[in-house]
């Protein structure tokens, strides 16, 4: 997993206003398998913890293989800045 400069800047702003300082990726069981969930949450004992561009990122093993070639990025859409996972393709039925 990588992080673009835009992704880093966006997350630094979000984390500055949050009590939680970890970006966590986890699996959500769905009809087609495990889907990706992401949030500002405390890591669990099962999570692998990485520091990417100075930001703590926790990744649950259920979802880790889907994030290997992903870049955390931020883009503006309709005047709102948001997180984008470049290279991630969600599973669908």
PDB file of N, CA and C in Angstrom:
ATOM      1  N   UNK A   1       0.845  -1.171   0.000  1.00  0.00           N
ATOM      2  CA  UNK A   1       0.000   0.000   0.000  1.00  0.00           C
ATOM      3  C   UNK A   1       0.892   1.236   0.000  1.00  0.00           C
ATOM      4  N   UNK A   2       0.468   2.212  -0.785  1.00  0.00           N
ATOM      5  CA  UNK A   2       1.200   3.473  -0.907  1.00  0.00           C
ATOM      6  C   UNK A   2       0.252   4.628  -0.589  1.00  0.00           C
ATOM      7  N   UNK A   3       0.802   5.836  -0.533  1.00  0.00           N
ATOM      8  CA  UNK A   3      -0.018   7.025  -0.288  1.00  0.00           C
ATOM      9  C   UNK A   3       0.518   8.175  -1.130  1.00  0.00           C
ATOM     10  N   UNK A   4      -0.387   8.833  -1.859  1.00  0.00           N
ATOM     11  CA  UNK A   4       0.002   9.997  -2.665  1.00  0.00           C
ATOM     12  C   UNK A   4       0.147  11.219  -1.758  1.00  0.00           C
ATOM     13  N   UNK A   5       0.845  12.252  -2.228  1.00  0.00           N
ATOM     14  CA  UNK A   5       0.939  13.490  -1.444  1.00  0.00           C
ATOM     15  C   UNK A   5      -0.447  14.082  -1.136  1.00  0.00           C
ATOM     16  N   UNK A   6      -1.377  13.978  -2.101  1.00  0.00           N
ATOM     17  CA  UNK A   6      -2.738  14.493  -1.877  1.00  0.00           C
ATOM     18  C   UNK A   6      -3.456  13.692  -0.793  1.00  0.00           C
ATOM     19  N   UNK A   7      -3.261  12.370  -0.816  1.00  0.00           N
ATOM     20  CA  UNK A   7      -3.858  11.519   0.203  1.00  0.00           C
ATOM     21  C   UNK A   7      -3.296  11.828   1.581  1.00  0.00           C
ATOM     22  N   UNK A   8      -1.989  12.026   1.653  1.00  0.00           N
ATOM     23  CA  UNK A   8      -1.340  12.357   2.924  1.00  0.00           C
ATOM     24  C   UNK A   8      -1.863  13.673   3.473  1.00  0.00           C
ATOM     25  N   UNK A   9      -1.920  14.700   2.625  1.00  0.00           N
ATOM     26  CA  UNK A   9      -2.404  16.008   3.079  1.00  0.00           C
ATOM     27  C   UNK A   9      -3.835  15.928   3.580  1.00  0.00           C
ATOM     28  N   UNK A  10      -4.684  15.224   2.844  1.00  0.00           N
ATOM     29  CA  UNK A  10      -6.087  15.077   3.238  1.00  0.00           C
ATOM     30  C   UNK A  10      -6.197  14.364   4.587  1.00  0.00           C
ATOM     31  N   UNK A  11      -5.492  13.246   4.726  1.00  0.00           N
ATOM     32  CA  UNK A  11      -5.576  12.491   5.975  1.00  0.00           C
ATOM     33  C   UNK A  11      -5.003  13.264   7.153  1.00  0.00           C
ATOM     34  N   UNK A  12      -3.945  14.019   6.939  1.00  0.00           N
ATOM     35  CA  UNK A  12      -3.393  14.841   8.024  1.00  0.00           C
ATOM     36  C   UNK A  12      -4.429  15.849   8.519  1.00  0.00           C
ATOM     37  N   UNK A  13      -5.189  16.432   7.595  1.00  0.00           N
ATOM     38  CA  UNK A  13      -6.242  17.375   7.984  1.00  0.00           C
ATOM     39  C   UNK A  13      -7.352  16.674   8.765  1.00  0.00           C
ATOM     40  N   UNK A  14      -7.782  15.507   8.264  1.00  0.00           N
ATOM     41  CA  UNK A  14      -8.848  14.756   8.918  1.00  0.00           C
ATOM     42  C   UNK A  14      -8.407  14.290  10.303  1.00  0.00           C
ATOM     43  N   UNK A  15      -7.202  13.754  10.395  1.00  0.00           N
ATOM     44  CA  UNK A  15      -6.711  13.238  11.665  1.00  0.00           C
ATOM     45  C   UNK A  15      -6.464  14.342  12.686  1.00  0.00           C
ATOM     46  N   UNK A  16      -6.126  15.541  12.222  1.00  0.00           N
ATOM     47  CA  UNK A  16      -5.913  16.661  13.140  1.00  0.00           C
ATOM     48  C   UNK A  16      -7.191  17.008  13.887  1.00  0.00           C
ATOM     49  N   UNK A  17      -8.345  16.774  13.276  1.00  0.00           N
ATOM     50  CA  UNK A  17      -9.640  17.092  13.889  1.00  0.00           C
ATOM     51  C   UNK A  17     -10.278  15.888  14.576  1.00  0.00           C
ATOM     52  N   UNK A  18      -9.571  14.782  14.659  1.00  0.00           N
ATOM     53  CA  UNK A  18     -10.140  13.553  15.204  1.00  0.00           C
ATOM     54  C   UNK A  18      -9.368  13.099  16.436  1.00  0.00           C
ATOM     55  N   UNK A  19     -10.075  12.501  17.378  1.00  0.00           N
ATOM     56  CA  UNK A  19      -9.404  11.914  18.535  1.00  0.00           C
ATOM     57  C   UNK A  19      -8.680  10.633  18.130  1.00  0.00           C
ATOM     58  N   UNK A  20      -9.224   9.914  17.160  1.00  0.00           N
ATOM     59  CA  UNK A  20      -8.614   8.673  16.681  1.00  0.00           C
ATOM     60  C   UNK A  20      -7.540   9.028  15.655  1.00  0.00           C
ATOM     61  N   UNK A  21      -6.394   8.413  15.767  1.00  0.00           N
ATOM     62  CA  UNK A  21      -5.255   8.746  14.903  1.00  0.00           C
ATOM     63  C   UNK A  21      -4.834   7.590  14.000  1.00  0.00           C
ATOM     64  N   UNK A  22      -5.707   6.589  13.822  1.00  0.00           N
ATOM     65  CA  UNK A  22      -5.378   5.433  12.989  1.00  0.00           C
ATOM     66  C   UNK A  22      -6.424   5.260  11.901  1.00  0.00           C
ATOM     67  N   UNK A  23      -5.966   5.112  10.664  1.00  0.00           N
ATOM     68  CA  UNK A  23      -6.844   4.775   9.550  1.00  0.00           C
ATOM     69  C   UNK A  23      -6.873   3.257   9.480  1.00  0.00           C
ATOM     70  N   UNK A  24      -8.067   2.666   9.603  1.00  0.00           N
ATOM     71  CA  UNK A  24      -8.180   1.206   9.672  1.00  0.00           C
ATOM     72  C   UNK A  24      -8.965   0.662   8.488  1.00  0.00           C
ATOM     73  N   UNK A  25      -8.404  -0.368   7.849  1.00  0.00           N
ATOM     74  CA  UNK A  25      -9.069  -1.096   6.774  1.00  0.00           C
ATOM     75  C   UNK A  25      -9.466  -2.464   7.322  1.00  0.00           C
ATOM     76  N   UNK A  26     -10.706  -2.863   7.069  1.00  0.00           N
ATOM     77  CA  UNK A  26     -11.214  -4.115   7.614  1.00  0.00           C
ATOM     78  C   UNK A  26     -12.204  -4.729   6.641  1.00  0.00           C
ATOM     79  N   UNK A  27     -12.535  -5.984   6.851  1.00  0.00           N
ATOM     80  CA  UNK A  27     -13.463  -6.688   5.988  1.00  0.00           C
ATOM     81  C   UNK A  27     -14.875  -6.653   6.542  1.00  0.00           C
ATOM     82  N   UNK A  28     -15.830  -6.566   5.626  1.00  0.00           N
ATOM     83  CA  UNK A  28     -17.252  -6.634   5.959  1.00  0.00           C
ATOM     84  C   UNK A  28     -17.825  -7.793   5.150  1.00  0.00           C
ATOM     85  N   UNK A  29     -18.400  -8.763   5.846  1.00  0.00           N
ATOM     86  CA  UNK A  29     -18.964  -9.920   5.149  1.00  0.00           C
ATOM     87  C   UNK A  29     -20.146  -9.484   4.297  1.00  0.00           C
ATOM     88  N   UNK A  30     -20.150  -9.924   3.044  1.00  0.00           N
ATOM     89  CA  UNK A  30     -21.238  -9.610   2.126  1.00  0.00           C
ATOM     90  C   UNK A  30     -21.656 -10.864   1.372  1.00  0.00           C
ATOM     91  N   UNK A  31     -22.606 -10.717   0.500  1.00  0.00           N
ATOM     92  CA  UNK A  31     -23.116 -11.867  -0.243  1.00  0.00           C
ATOM     93  C   UNK A  31     -22.080 -12.459  -1.188  1.00  0.00           C
ATOM     94  N   UNK A  32     -21.096 -11.657  -1.585  1.00  0.00           N
ATOM     95  CA  UNK A  32     -20.096 -12.113  -2.562  1.00  0.00           C
ATOM     96  C   UNK A  32     -18.726 -12.314  -1.930  1.00  0.00           C
ATOM     97  N   UNK A  33     -18.658 -12.361  -0.631  1.00  0.00           N
ATOM     98  CA  UNK A  33     -17.371 -12.500   0.048  1.00  0.00           C
ATOM     99  C   UNK A  33     -17.118 -11.323   0.953  1.00  0.00           C
ATOM    100  N   UNK A  34     -15.860 -11.021   1.167  1.00  0.00           N
ATOM    101  CA  UNK A  34     -15.473  -9.951   2.077  1.00  0.00           C
ATOM    102  C   UNK A  34     -15.329  -8.644   1.294  1.00  0.00           C
ATOM    103  N   UNK A  35     -16.045  -7.615   1.743  1.00  0.00           N
ATOM    104  CA  UNK A  35     -15.957  -6.282   1.148  1.00  0.00           C
ATOM    105  C   UNK A  35     -15.110  -5.383   2.040  1.00  0.00           C
ATOM    106  N   UNK A  36     -14.639  -4.297   1.483  1.00  0.00           N
ATOM    107  CA  UNK A  36     -13.744  -3.386   2.187  1.00  0.00           C
ATOM    108  C   UNK A  36     -14.516  -2.391   3.040  1.00  0.00           C
ATOM    109  N   UNK A  37     -14.060  -2.230   4.257  1.00  0.00           N
ATOM    110  CA  UNK A  37     -14.540  -1.176   5.140  1.00  0.00           C
ATOM    111  C   UNK A  37     -13.342  -0.340   5.552  1.00  0.00           C
ATOM    112  N   UNK A  38     -13.543   0.941   5.768  1.00  0.00           N
ATOM    113  CA  UNK A  38     -12.448   1.825   6.174  1.00  0.00           C
ATOM    114  C   UNK A  38     -12.998   2.865   7.145  1.00  0.00           C
ATOM    115  N   UNK A  39     -12.211   3.204   8.139  1.00  0.00           N
ATOM    116  CA  UNK A  39     -12.652   4.210   9.096  1.00  0.00           C
ATOM    117  C   UNK A  39     -11.512   4.639  10.001  1.00  0.00           C
ATOM    118  N   UNK A  40     -11.761   5.665  10.775  1.00  0.00           N
ATOM    119  CA  UNK A  40     -10.816   6.090  11.801  1.00  0.00           C
ATOM    120  C   UNK A  40     -11.187   5.318  13.055  1.00  0.00           C
ATOM    121  N   UNK A  41     -10.445   4.248  13.310  1.00  0.00           N
ATOM    122  CA  UNK A  41     -10.765   3.322  14.394  1.00  0.00           C
ATOM    123  C   UNK A  41      -9.493   2.817  15.048  1.00  0.00           C
ATOM    124  N   UNK A  42      -9.645   2.357  16.277  1.00  0.00           N
ATOM    125  CA  UNK A  42      -8.526   1.710  16.961  1.00  0.00           C
ATOM    126  C   UNK A  42      -8.246   0.364  16.302  1.00  0.00           C
ATOM    127  N   UNK A  43      -6.989   0.011  16.149  1.00  0.00           N
ATOM    128  CA  UNK A  43      -6.662  -1.292  15.578  1.00  0.00           C
ATOM    129  C   UNK A  43      -7.066  -2.422  16.523  1.00  0.00           C
ATOM    130  N   UNK A  44      -7.343  -3.587  15.952  1.00  0.00           N
ATOM    131  CA  UNK A  44      -7.609  -4.775  16.751  1.00  0.00           C
ATOM    132  C   UNK A  44      -6.301  -5.550  16.915  1.00  0.00           C
ATOM    133  N   UNK A  45      -6.327  -6.567  17.749  1.00  0.00           N
ATOM    134  CA  UNK A  45      -5.131  -7.399  17.958  1.00  0.00           C
ATOM    135  C   UNK A  45      -4.719  -8.140  16.698  1.00  0.00           C
ATOM    136  N   UNK A  46      -5.665  -8.379  15.788  1.00  0.00           N
ATOM    137  CA  UNK A  46      -5.370  -9.120  14.557  1.00  0.00           C
ATOM    138  C   UNK A  46      -4.776  -8.244  13.458  1.00  0.00           C
ATOM    139  N   UNK A  47      -4.958  -6.941  13.535  1.00  0.00           N
ATOM    140  CA  UNK A  47      -4.525  -6.030  12.476  1.00  0.00           C
ATOM    141  C   UNK A  47      -3.005  -5.943  12.368  1.00  0.00           C
ATOM    142  N   UNK A  48      -2.540  -5.806  11.134  1.00  0.00           N
ATOM    143  CA  UNK A  48      -1.141  -5.445  10.878  1.00  0.00           C
ATOM    144  C   UNK A  48      -1.091  -3.922  10.874  1.00  0.00           C
ATOM    145  N   UNK A  49      -0.132  -3.358  11.561  1.00  0.00           N
ATOM    146  CA  UNK A  49      -0.035  -1.906  11.656  1.00  0.00           C
ATOM    147  C   UNK A  49       1.200  -1.449  10.891  1.00  0.00           C
ATOM    148  N   UNK A  50       0.967  -0.502   9.973  1.00  0.00           N
ATOM    149  CA  UNK A  50       2.040   0.076   9.167  1.00  0.00           C
ATOM    150  C   UNK A  50       2.018   1.582   9.345  1.00  0.00           C
ATOM    151  N   UNK A  51       3.149   2.195   9.158  1.00  0.00           N
ATOM    152  CA  UNK A  51       3.213   3.646   9.079  1.00  0.00           C
ATOM    153  C   UNK A  51       3.521   3.983   7.628  1.00  0.00           C
ATOM    154  N   UNK A  52       2.562   4.648   6.971  1.00  0.00           N
ATOM    155  CA  UNK A  52       2.707   4.997   5.563  1.00  0.00           C
ATOM    156  C   UNK A  52       2.736   6.520   5.473  1.00  0.00           C
ATOM    157  N   UNK A  53       3.844   7.050   5.022  1.00  0.00           N
ATOM    158  CA  UNK A  53       4.022   8.502   4.910  1.00  0.00           C
ATOM    159  C   UNK A  53       3.714   9.207   6.239  1.00  0.00           C
ATOM    160  N   UNK A  54       4.105   8.564   7.352  1.00  0.00           N
ATOM    161  CA  UNK A  54       3.921   9.156   8.670  1.00  0.00           C
ATOM    162  C   UNK A  54       2.537   8.966   9.274  1.00  0.00           C
ATOM    163  N   UNK A  55       1.669   8.231   8.601  1.00  0.00           N
ATOM    164  CA  UNK A  55       0.305   8.007   9.084  1.00  0.00           C
ATOM    165  C   UNK A  55       0.142   6.542   9.452  1.00  0.00           C
ATOM    166  N   UNK A  56      -0.399   6.292  10.669  1.00  0.00           N
ATOM    167  CA  UNK A  56      -0.605   4.921  11.116  1.00  0.00           C
ATOM    168  C   UNK A  56      -1.819   4.326  10.407  1.00  0.00           C
ATOM    169  N   UNK A  57      -1.578   3.173   9.786  1.00  0.00           N
ATOM    170  CA  UNK A  57      -2.623   2.465   9.044  1.00  0.00           C
ATOM    171  C   UNK A  57      -2.701   1.039   9.585  1.00  0.00           C
ATOM    172  N   UNK A  58      -3.902   0.608   9.971  1.00  0.00           N
ATOM    173  CA  UNK A  58      -4.131  -0.750  10.449  1.00  0.00           C
ATOM    174  C   UNK A  58      -4.895  -1.506   9.364  1.00  0.00           C
ATOM    175  N   UNK A  59      -4.439  -2.724   9.077  1.00  0.00           N
ATOM    176  CA  UNK A  59      -5.063  -3.521   8.019  1.00  0.00           C
ATOM    177  C   UNK A  59      -5.376  -4.905   8.573  1.00  0.00           C
ATOM    178  N   UNK A  60      -6.654  -5.258   8.540  1.00  0.00           N
ATOM    179  CA  UNK A  60      -7.071  -6.577   9.011  1.00  0.00           C
ATOM    180  C   UNK A  60      -6.656  -7.622   7.975  1.00  0.00           C
ATOM    181  N   UNK A  61      -6.215  -8.804   8.405  1.00  0.00           N
ATOM    182  CA  UNK A  61      -5.752  -9.828   7.467  1.00  0.00           C
ATOM    183  C   UNK A  61      -6.794 -10.263   6.436  1.00  0.00           C
ATOM    184  N   UNK A  62      -8.086 -10.167   6.764  1.00  0.00           N
ATOM    185  CA  UNK A  62      -9.133 -10.563   5.818  1.00  0.00           C
ATOM    186  C   UNK A  62      -9.125  -9.732   4.540  1.00  0.00           C
ATOM    187  N   UNK A  63      -8.578  -8.541   4.607  1.00  0.00           N
ATOM    188  CA  UNK A  63      -8.663  -7.609   3.478  1.00  0.00           C
ATOM    189  C   UNK A  63      -7.272  -7.257   2.920  1.00  0.00           C
ATOM    190  N   UNK A  64      -6.216  -7.684   3.590  1.00  0.00           N
ATOM    191  CA  UNK A  64      -4.847  -7.275   3.236  1.00  0.00           C
ATOM    192  C   UNK A  64      -4.477  -7.579   1.792  1.00  0.00           C
ATOM    193  N   UNK A  65      -4.857  -8.744   1.284  1.00  0.00           N
ATOM    194  CA  UNK A  65      -4.464  -9.108  -0.083  1.00  0.00           C
ATOM    195  C   UNK A  65      -5.093  -8.198  -1.136  1.00  0.00           C
ATOM    196  N   UNK A  66      -6.218  -7.570  -0.815  1.00  0.00           N
ATOM    197  CA  UNK A  66      -6.879  -6.669  -1.761  1.00  0.00           C
ATOM    198  C   UNK A  66      -6.237  -5.284  -1.793  1.00  0.00           C
ATOM    199  N   UNK A  67      -5.340  -4.999  -0.850  1.00  0.00           N
ATOM    200  CA  UNK A  67      -4.780  -3.648  -0.736  1.00  0.00           C
ATOM    201  C   UNK A  67      -3.310  -3.549  -1.122  1.00  0.00           C
ATOM    202  N   UNK A  68      -2.717  -4.635  -1.589  1.00  0.00           N
ATOM    203  CA  UNK A  68      -1.278  -4.657  -1.867  1.00  0.00           C
ATOM    204  C   UNK A  68      -0.875  -3.599  -2.895  1.00  0.00           C
ATOM    205  N   UNK A  69      -1.602  -3.474  -3.977  1.00  0.00           N
ATOM    206  CA  UNK A  69      -1.247  -2.541  -5.059  1.00  0.00           C
ATOM    207  C   UNK A  69      -2.068  -1.249  -5.016  1.00  0.00           C
ATOM    208  N   UNK A  70      -2.621  -0.905  -3.876  1.00  0.00           N
ATOM    209  CA  UNK A  70      -3.507   0.252  -3.743  1.00  0.00           C
ATOM    210  C   UNK A  70      -2.725   1.478  -3.277  1.00  0.00           C
ATOM    211  N   UNK A  71      -3.115   2.638  -3.819  1.00  0.00           N
ATOM    212  CA  UNK A  71      -2.563   3.914  -3.377  1.00  0.00           C
ATOM    213  C   UNK A  71      -3.687   4.731  -2.748  1.00  0.00           C
ATOM    214  N   UNK A  72      -3.460   5.184  -1.516  1.00  0.00           N
ATOM    215  CA  UNK A  72      -4.413   6.069  -0.842  1.00  0.00           C
ATOM    216  C   UNK A  72      -4.227   7.454  -1.457  1.00  0.00           C
ATOM    217  N   UNK A  73      -5.295   8.016  -1.956  1.00  0.00           N
ATOM    218  CA  UNK A  73      -5.254   9.287  -2.677  1.00  0.00           C
ATOM    219  C   UNK A  73      -6.454  10.125  -2.240  1.00  0.00           C
ATOM    220  N   UNK A  74      -6.459  11.397  -2.562  1.00  0.00           N
ATOM    221  CA  UNK A  74      -7.607  12.260  -2.303  1.00  0.00           C
ATOM    222  C   UNK A  74      -7.907  13.053  -3.561  1.00  0.00           C
ATOM    223  N   UNK A  75      -9.189  13.150  -3.876  1.00  0.00           N
ATOM    224  CA  UNK A  75      -9.632  13.909  -5.046  1.00  0.00           C
ATOM    225  C   UNK A  75     -10.852  14.737  -4.680  1.00  0.00           C
ATOM    226  N   UNK A  76     -11.032  15.813  -5.432  1.00  0.00           N
ATOM    227  CA  UNK A  76     -12.203  16.660  -5.242  1.00  0.00           C
ATOM    228  C   UNK A  76     -13.282  16.258  -6.231  1.00  0.00           C
ATOM    229  N   UNK A  77     -14.492  16.126  -5.718  1.00  0.00           N
ATOM    230  CA  UNK A  77     -15.648  15.826  -6.561  1.00  0.00           C
ATOM    231  C   UNK A  77     -16.826  16.648  -6.050  1.00  0.00           C
ATOM    232  N   UNK A  78     -17.435  17.413  -6.944  1.00  0.00           N
ATOM    233  CA  UNK A  78     -18.565  18.279  -6.584  1.00  0.00           C
ATOM    234  C   UNK A  78     -18.223  19.213  -5.429  1.00  0.00           C
ATOM    235  N   UNK A  79     -16.993  19.717  -5.429  1.00  0.00           N
ATOM    236  CA  UNK A  79     -16.579  20.669  -4.408  1.00  0.00           C
ATOM    237  C   UNK A  79     -16.190  20.050  -3.075  1.00  0.00           C
ATOM    238  N   UNK A  80     -16.234  18.729  -2.967  1.00  0.00           N
ATOM    239  CA  UNK A  80     -15.888  18.028  -1.726  1.00  0.00           C
ATOM    240  C   UNK A  80     -14.631  17.193  -1.945  1.00  0.00           C
ATOM    241  N   UNK A  81     -13.699  17.290  -1.014  1.00  0.00           N
ATOM    242  CA  UNK A  81     -12.500  16.481  -1.063  1.00  0.00           C
ATOM    243  C   UNK A  81     -12.773  15.164  -0.356  1.00  0.00           C
ATOM    244  N   UNK A  82     -12.343  14.053  -0.949  1.00  0.00           N
ATOM    245  CA  UNK A  82     -12.594  12.751  -0.348  1.00  0.00           C
ATOM    246  C   UNK A  82     -11.491  11.767  -0.646  1.00  0.00           C
ATOM    247  N   UNK A  83     -11.467  10.705   0.143  1.00  0.00           N
ATOM    248  CA  UNK A  83     -10.476   9.647   0.011  1.00  0.00           C
ATOM    249  C   UNK A  83     -10.811   8.749  -1.169  1.00  0.00           C
ATOM    250  N   UNK A  84      -9.792   8.397  -1.946  1.00  0.00           N
ATOM    251  CA  UNK A  84      -9.935   7.517  -3.091  1.00  0.00           C
ATOM    252  C   UNK A  84      -8.857   6.437  -2.977  1.00  0.00           C
ATOM    253  N   UNK A  85      -9.220   5.207  -3.249  1.00  0.00           N
ATOM    254  CA  UNK A  85      -8.255   4.108  -3.238  1.00  0.00           C
ATOM    255  C   UNK A  85      -7.944   3.727  -4.680  1.00  0.00           C
ATOM    256  N   UNK A  86      -6.872   4.269  -5.205  1.00  0.00           N
ATOM    257  CA  UNK A  86      -6.478   4.026  -6.585  1.00  0.00           C
ATOM    258  C   UNK A  86      -5.928   2.604  -6.693  1.00  0.00           C
ATOM    259  N   UNK A  87      -6.471   1.843  -7.626  1.00  0.00           N
ATOM    260  CA  UNK A  87      -6.039   0.470  -7.824  1.00  0.00           C
ATOM    261  C   UNK A  87      -6.898  -0.547  -7.112  1.00  0.00           C
ATOM    262  N   UNK A  88      -7.874  -0.078  -6.333  1.00  0.00           N
ATOM    263  CA  UNK A  88      -8.772  -1.014  -5.632  1.00  0.00           C
ATOM    264  C   UNK A  88      -9.993  -1.279  -6.510  1.00  0.00           C
ATOM    265  N   UNK A  89     -10.322  -2.538  -6.656  1.00  0.00           N
ATOM    266  CA  UNK A  89     -11.552  -2.873  -7.363  1.00  0.00           C
ATOM    267  C   UNK A  89     -12.396  -3.730  -6.433  1.00  0.00           C
ATOM    268  N   UNK A  90     -13.588  -3.237  -6.146  1.00  0.00           N
ATOM    269  CA  UNK A  90     -14.464  -3.928  -5.218  1.00  0.00           C
ATOM    270  C   UNK A  90     -15.030  -5.196  -5.862  1.00  0.00           C
ATOM    271  N   UNK A  91     -15.333  -6.134  -5.006  1.00  0.00           N
ATOM    272  CA  UNK A  91     -15.954  -7.375  -5.470  1.00  0.00           C
ATOM    273  C   UNK A  91     -17.448  -7.126  -5.579  1.00  0.00           C
ATOM    274  N   UNK A  92     -18.041  -7.604  -6.652  1.00  0.00           N
ATOM    275  CA  UNK A  92     -19.486  -7.485  -6.797  1.00  0.00           C
ATOM    276  C   UNK A  92     -20.038  -8.788  -7.342  1.00  0.00           C
ATOM    277  N   UNK A  93     -21.301  -9.008  -7.079  1.00  0.00           N
ATOM    278  CA  UNK A  93     -21.941 -10.249  -7.517  1.00  0.00           C
ATOM    279  C   UNK A  93     -22.272 -10.217  -8.995  1.00  0.00           C
TER     280      UNK A  93
END
